[in-house]
Amino acid sequence: MFDPLLHQNIRSKLISLLIANEELPFKALKEYLQVTDGNLSSHLSKLEKAGYVKIEKSFEKKRPKTVVHVTTKGKKAFEHYIEALKLFIEEN
């Protein structure tokens, strides 16, 4: 069965980016995925609620900085999602 959180284009790309980089700033994710602040925030909130990502907010030279990390749970969920895709392809 496909994980409904990850079986969505933006969120699957987002998690794969984080797995490849361990962490990325919000701005970099936004630029790579070509989404609005609100759209990215919405997707990140869902992934954070599921425990797939960790969001760290801080200030750098008086400017807010948001960095997103993939969690161990997020990595495992993505691995299971990829395996489910492979099985689906093999069966069809």
C-alpha atoms as a PDB file:
ATOM      1  CA  MET A   1       0.000   0.000   0.000  1.00  0.00           C
ATOM      2  CA  PHE A   2       1.264   3.457  -0.847  1.00  0.00           C
ATOM      3  CA  ASP A   3       1.847   5.923   1.974  1.00  0.00           C
ATOM      4  CA  PRO A   4      -0.730   8.655   1.231  1.00  0.00           C
ATOM      5  CA  LEU A   5       1.582  11.337   2.633  1.00  0.00           C
ATOM      6  CA  LEU A   6       4.387  10.392   0.259  1.00  0.00           C
ATOM      7  CA  HIS A   7       2.202   9.447  -2.703  1.00  0.00           C
ATOM      8  CA  GLN A   8       1.987  13.110  -3.617  1.00  0.00           C
ATOM      9  CA  ASN A   9       4.408  14.653  -6.097  1.00  0.00           C
ATOM     10  CA  ILE A  10       5.720  17.584  -4.050  1.00  0.00           C
ATOM     11  CA  ARG A  11       6.083  15.621  -0.809  1.00  0.00           C
ATOM     12  CA  SER A  12       7.874  12.681  -2.449  1.00  0.00           C
ATOM     13  CA  LYS A  13      10.295  15.095  -4.144  1.00  0.00           C
ATOM     14  CA  LEU A  14      10.746  16.993  -0.883  1.00  0.00           C
ATOM     15  CA  ILE A  15      11.648  13.866   1.093  1.00  0.00           C
ATOM     16  CA  SER A  16      13.989  12.611  -1.627  1.00  0.00           C
ATOM     17  CA  LEU A  17      15.786  15.985  -1.628  1.00  0.00           C
ATOM     18  CA  LEU A  18      16.174  15.849   2.129  1.00  0.00           C
ATOM     19  CA  ILE A  19      17.451  12.272   2.062  1.00  0.00           C
ATOM     20  CA  ALA A  20      20.056  13.241  -0.521  1.00  0.00           C
ATOM     21  CA  ASN A  21      21.133  16.314   1.480  1.00  0.00           C
ATOM     22  CA  GLU A  22      20.220  15.449   5.120  1.00  0.00           C
ATOM     23  CA  GLU A  23      18.966  19.024   5.561  1.00  0.00           C
ATOM     24  CA  LEU A  24      18.070  22.004   3.401  1.00  0.00           C
ATOM     25  CA  PRO A  25      16.971  25.571   4.057  1.00  0.00           C
ATOM     26  CA  PHE A  26      13.337  26.403   3.408  1.00  0.00           C
ATOM     27  CA  LYS A  27      14.371  28.823   0.656  1.00  0.00           C
ATOM     28  CA  ALA A  28      16.335  26.147  -1.239  1.00  0.00           C
ATOM     29  CA  LEU A  29      13.412  23.709  -1.041  1.00  0.00           C
ATOM     30  CA  LYS A  30      11.032  26.397  -2.263  1.00  0.00           C
ATOM     31  CA  GLU A  31      13.257  27.244  -5.233  1.00  0.00           C
ATOM     32  CA  TYR A  32      13.934  23.644  -6.223  1.00  0.00           C
ATOM     33  CA  LEU A  33      10.284  22.588  -5.966  1.00  0.00           C
ATOM     34  CA  GLN A  34       9.022  25.846  -7.524  1.00  0.00           C
ATOM     35  CA  VAL A  35       6.224  26.305  -4.992  1.00  0.00           C
ATOM     36  CA  THR A  36       4.969  29.232  -2.944  1.00  0.00           C
ATOM     37  CA  ASP A  37       5.855  29.766   0.710  1.00  0.00           C
ATOM     38  CA  GLY A  38       2.338  28.776   1.734  1.00  0.00           C
ATOM     39  CA  ASN A  39       2.300  25.644  -0.402  1.00  0.00           C
ATOM     40  CA  LEU A  40       5.655  24.446   0.934  1.00  0.00           C
ATOM     41  CA  SER A  41       4.645  25.280   4.511  1.00  0.00           C
ATOM     42  CA  SER A  42       1.484  23.222   4.122  1.00  0.00           C
ATOM     43  CA  HIS A  43       3.377  20.177   2.829  1.00  0.00           C
ATOM     44  CA  LEU A  44       6.046  20.518   5.520  1.00  0.00           C
ATOM     45  CA  SER A  45       3.414  20.767   8.251  1.00  0.00           C
ATOM     46  CA  LYS A  46       1.881  17.472   7.158  1.00  0.00           C
ATOM     47  CA  LEU A  47       5.274  15.764   7.035  1.00  0.00           C
ATOM     48  CA  GLU A  48       6.281  17.228  10.395  1.00  0.00           C
ATOM     49  CA  LYS A  49       3.021  16.085  12.012  1.00  0.00           C
ATOM     50  CA  ALA A  50       3.757  12.542  10.773  1.00  0.00           C
ATOM     51  CA  GLY A  51       7.286  12.753  12.180  1.00  0.00           C
ATOM     52  CA  TYR A  52       8.930  12.523   8.758  1.00  0.00           C
ATOM     53  CA  VAL A  53      10.741  15.864   8.987  1.00  0.00           C
ATOM     54  CA  LYS A  54      12.069  18.130  11.703  1.00  0.00           C
ATOM     55  CA  ILE A  55      11.888  21.878  11.207  1.00  0.00           C
ATOM     56  CA  GLU A  56      14.357  24.150  12.969  1.00  0.00           C
ATOM     57  CA  LYS A  57      13.753  27.886  13.113  1.00  0.00           C
ATOM     58  CA  SER A  58      16.438  30.322  14.137  1.00  0.00           C
ATOM     59  CA  PHE A  59      17.793  33.764  13.355  1.00  0.00           C
ATOM     60  CA  GLU A  60      20.864  34.576  11.320  1.00  0.00           C
ATOM     61  CA  LYS A  61      21.921  38.217  11.414  1.00  0.00           C
ATOM     62  CA  LYS A  62      18.444  39.208  12.653  1.00  0.00           C
ATOM     63  CA  ARG A  63      16.767  37.354   9.785  1.00  0.00           C
ATOM     64  CA  PRO A  64      14.623  34.275  10.302  1.00  0.00           C
ATOM     65  CA  LYS A  65      16.131  31.049   9.003  1.00  0.00           C
ATOM     66  CA  THR A  66      14.253  27.778   8.634  1.00  0.00           C
ATOM     67  CA  VAL A  67      16.111  24.527   8.025  1.00  0.00           C
ATOM     68  CA  VAL A  68      14.376  21.223   7.341  1.00  0.00           C
ATOM     69  CA  HIS A  69      15.837  17.826   8.268  1.00  0.00           C
ATOM     70  CA  VAL A  70      14.584  14.389   7.337  1.00  0.00           C
ATOM     71  CA  THR A  71      14.072  12.093  10.340  1.00  0.00           C
ATOM     72  CA  THR A  72      14.879   8.408  10.625  1.00  0.00           C
ATOM     73  CA  LYS A  73      11.145   7.746  10.500  1.00  0.00           C
ATOM     74  CA  GLY A  74      10.916   9.795   7.295  1.00  0.00           C
ATOM     75  CA  LYS A  75      13.772   7.855   5.684  1.00  0.00           C
ATOM     76  CA  LYS A  76      12.191   4.520   6.572  1.00  0.00           C
ATOM     77  CA  ALA A  77       8.778   5.635   5.319  1.00  0.00           C
ATOM     78  CA  PHE A  78      10.325   6.709   2.009  1.00  0.00           C
ATOM     79  CA  GLU A  79      12.167   3.383   1.679  1.00  0.00           C
ATOM     80  CA  HIS A  80       8.869   1.523   2.218  1.00  0.00           C
ATOM     81  CA  TYR A  81       7.172   3.810  -0.302  1.00  0.00           C
ATOM     82  CA  ILE A  82       9.835   3.065  -2.936  1.00  0.00           C
ATOM     83  CA  GLU A  83       9.515  -0.666  -2.263  1.00  0.00           C
ATOM     84  CA  ALA A  84       5.730  -0.428  -2.685  1.00  0.00           C
ATOM     85  CA  LEU A  85       6.255   1.338  -6.032  1.00  0.00           C
ATOM     86  CA  LYS A  86       8.679  -1.374  -7.174  1.00  0.00           C
ATOM     87  CA  LEU A  87       6.193  -4.108  -6.252  1.00  0.00           C
ATOM     88  CA  PHE A  88       3.402  -2.298  -8.051  1.00  0.00           C
ATOM     89  CA  ILE A  89       5.520  -1.994 -11.207  1.00  0.00           C
ATOM     90  CA  GLU A  90       6.566  -5.652 -11.071  1.00  0.00           C
ATOM     91  CA  GLU A  91       2.975  -6.825 -10.623  1.00  0.00           C
ATOM     92  CA  ASN A  92       1.603  -4.746 -13.508  1.00  0.00           C
END
